[in-house]
């Protein structure tokens, strides 16, 4: 879960979407790395490409803002 993402590639559209993802919906290799169940939060660009996967909602918003992006929650 330590993959680097070049957020500058997504500078055209500053809005990103933060959505919860149940750990049991993730591929087996990712579940093995996170070591548990529960909810993670994904940050997606406007075209739906996942940019990041983090352990909590506040971290997802902080990550987006640190990269000069505007996070919006998705239900």
C-alpha atoms as a PDB file:
ATOM      1  CA  UNK A   1       0.000   0.000   0.000  1.00  0.00           C
ATOM      2  CA  UNK A   2       2.977   2.285  -0.407  1.00  0.00           C
ATOM      3  CA  UNK A   3       2.617   3.026  -4.113  1.00  0.00           C
ATOM      4  CA  UNK A   4       3.500   6.579  -5.107  1.00  0.00           C
ATOM      5  CA  UNK A   5       0.978   8.546  -7.169  1.00  0.00           C
ATOM      6  CA  UNK A   6       1.808  11.589  -9.233  1.00  0.00           C
ATOM      7  CA  UNK A   7      -1.058  13.845  -8.233  1.00  0.00           C
ATOM      8  CA  UNK A   8       0.252  16.576 -10.554  1.00  0.00           C
ATOM      9  CA  UNK A   9      -0.960  14.483 -13.488  1.00  0.00           C
ATOM     10  CA  UNK A  10      -4.483  15.212 -12.292  1.00  0.00           C
ATOM     11  CA  UNK A  11      -4.027  18.985 -12.012  1.00  0.00           C
ATOM     12  CA  UNK A  12      -6.533  19.776 -14.775  1.00  0.00           C
ATOM     13  CA  UNK A  13      -9.462  18.903 -12.548  1.00  0.00           C
ATOM     14  CA  UNK A  14      -8.839  19.833  -8.923  1.00  0.00           C
ATOM     15  CA  UNK A  15     -11.837  17.886  -7.569  1.00  0.00           C
ATOM     16  CA  UNK A  16     -11.316  14.379  -6.215  1.00  0.00           C
ATOM     17  CA  UNK A  17     -13.855  12.067  -4.646  1.00  0.00           C
ATOM     18  CA  UNK A  18     -13.456  10.254  -1.333  1.00  0.00           C
ATOM     19  CA  UNK A  19     -15.512   7.122  -0.869  1.00  0.00           C
ATOM     20  CA  UNK A  20     -15.584   4.357   1.715  1.00  0.00           C
ATOM     21  CA  UNK A  21     -14.649   0.839   0.619  1.00  0.00           C
ATOM     22  CA  UNK A  22     -15.232  -2.284   2.688  1.00  0.00           C
ATOM     23  CA  UNK A  23     -11.991  -4.217   3.096  1.00  0.00           C
ATOM     24  CA  UNK A  24     -13.700  -7.470   2.136  1.00  0.00           C
ATOM     25  CA  UNK A  25     -14.481  -5.957  -1.315  1.00  0.00           C
ATOM     26  CA  UNK A  26     -10.784  -5.486  -2.091  1.00  0.00           C
ATOM     27  CA  UNK A  27      -8.551  -7.953  -3.950  1.00  0.00           C
ATOM     28  CA  UNK A  28      -6.901 -10.619  -1.804  1.00  0.00           C
ATOM     29  CA  UNK A  29      -3.371  -9.194  -2.201  1.00  0.00           C
ATOM     30  CA  UNK A  30      -4.495  -5.799  -0.859  1.00  0.00           C
ATOM     31  CA  UNK A  31      -6.417  -7.365   2.032  1.00  0.00           C
ATOM     32  CA  UNK A  32      -3.262  -9.275   2.977  1.00  0.00           C
ATOM     33  CA  UNK A  33      -1.275  -6.022   3.116  1.00  0.00           C
ATOM     34  CA  UNK A  34      -3.783  -4.120   5.254  1.00  0.00           C
ATOM     35  CA  UNK A  35      -4.119  -6.950   7.745  1.00  0.00           C
ATOM     36  CA  UNK A  36      -7.707  -6.685   8.828  1.00  0.00           C
ATOM     37  CA  UNK A  37     -11.320  -5.959   8.107  1.00  0.00           C
ATOM     38  CA  UNK A  38     -13.214  -2.741   8.268  1.00  0.00           C
ATOM     39  CA  UNK A  39     -13.536   0.263   6.027  1.00  0.00           C
ATOM     40  CA  UNK A  40     -10.856   2.008   3.999  1.00  0.00           C
ATOM     41  CA  UNK A  41     -11.205   5.213   2.002  1.00  0.00           C
ATOM     42  CA  UNK A  42     -10.356   5.625  -1.659  1.00  0.00           C
ATOM     43  CA  UNK A  43      -9.511   8.896  -3.390  1.00  0.00           C
ATOM     44  CA  UNK A  44     -10.653   8.958  -7.042  1.00  0.00           C
ATOM     45  CA  UNK A  45     -10.222  11.492  -9.814  1.00  0.00           C
ATOM     46  CA  UNK A  46     -13.149  12.780 -11.882  1.00  0.00           C
ATOM     47  CA  UNK A  47     -12.832   9.899 -14.324  1.00  0.00           C
ATOM     48  CA  UNK A  48     -13.049   7.277 -11.573  1.00  0.00           C
ATOM     49  CA  UNK A  49      -9.371   6.329 -11.455  1.00  0.00           C
ATOM     50  CA  UNK A  50      -8.317   5.412  -7.932  1.00  0.00           C
ATOM     51  CA  UNK A  51      -5.457   7.633  -6.820  1.00  0.00           C
ATOM     52  CA  UNK A  52      -5.036   6.482  -3.227  1.00  0.00           C
ATOM     53  CA  UNK A  53      -6.345   4.045  -0.635  1.00  0.00           C
ATOM     54  CA  UNK A  54      -5.983   5.024   3.020  1.00  0.00           C
ATOM     55  CA  UNK A  55      -7.110   3.802   6.431  1.00  0.00           C
ATOM     56  CA  UNK A  56      -9.427   6.641   7.443  1.00  0.00           C
ATOM     57  CA  UNK A  57     -11.580   9.421   6.032  1.00  0.00           C
ATOM     58  CA  UNK A  58      -9.688  12.317   7.575  1.00  0.00           C
ATOM     59  CA  UNK A  59      -6.420  11.011   6.118  1.00  0.00           C
ATOM     60  CA  UNK A  60      -8.015  10.813   2.657  1.00  0.00           C
ATOM     61  CA  UNK A  61      -9.128  14.450   2.877  1.00  0.00           C
ATOM     62  CA  UNK A  62      -5.754  15.550   4.253  1.00  0.00           C
ATOM     63  CA  UNK A  63      -3.892  13.733   1.475  1.00  0.00           C
ATOM     64  CA  UNK A  64      -6.024  15.405  -1.181  1.00  0.00           C
ATOM     65  CA  UNK A  65      -5.591  18.870   0.307  1.00  0.00           C
ATOM     66  CA  UNK A  66      -1.825  18.434   0.693  1.00  0.00           C
ATOM     67  CA  UNK A  67      -1.737  17.839  -3.059  1.00  0.00           C
ATOM     68  CA  UNK A  68      -3.790  20.982  -3.791  1.00  0.00           C
ATOM     69  CA  UNK A  69      -6.890  18.994  -4.658  1.00  0.00           C
ATOM     70  CA  UNK A  70     -10.463  19.598  -3.492  1.00  0.00           C
ATOM     71  CA  UNK A  71     -11.926  16.480  -1.875  1.00  0.00           C
ATOM     72  CA  UNK A  72     -15.669  15.773  -2.037  1.00  0.00           C
ATOM     73  CA  UNK A  73     -17.353  12.909  -0.153  1.00  0.00           C
ATOM     74  CA  UNK A  74     -19.211  10.220  -2.083  1.00  0.00           C
ATOM     75  CA  UNK A  75     -21.836   8.131  -0.317  1.00  0.00           C
END
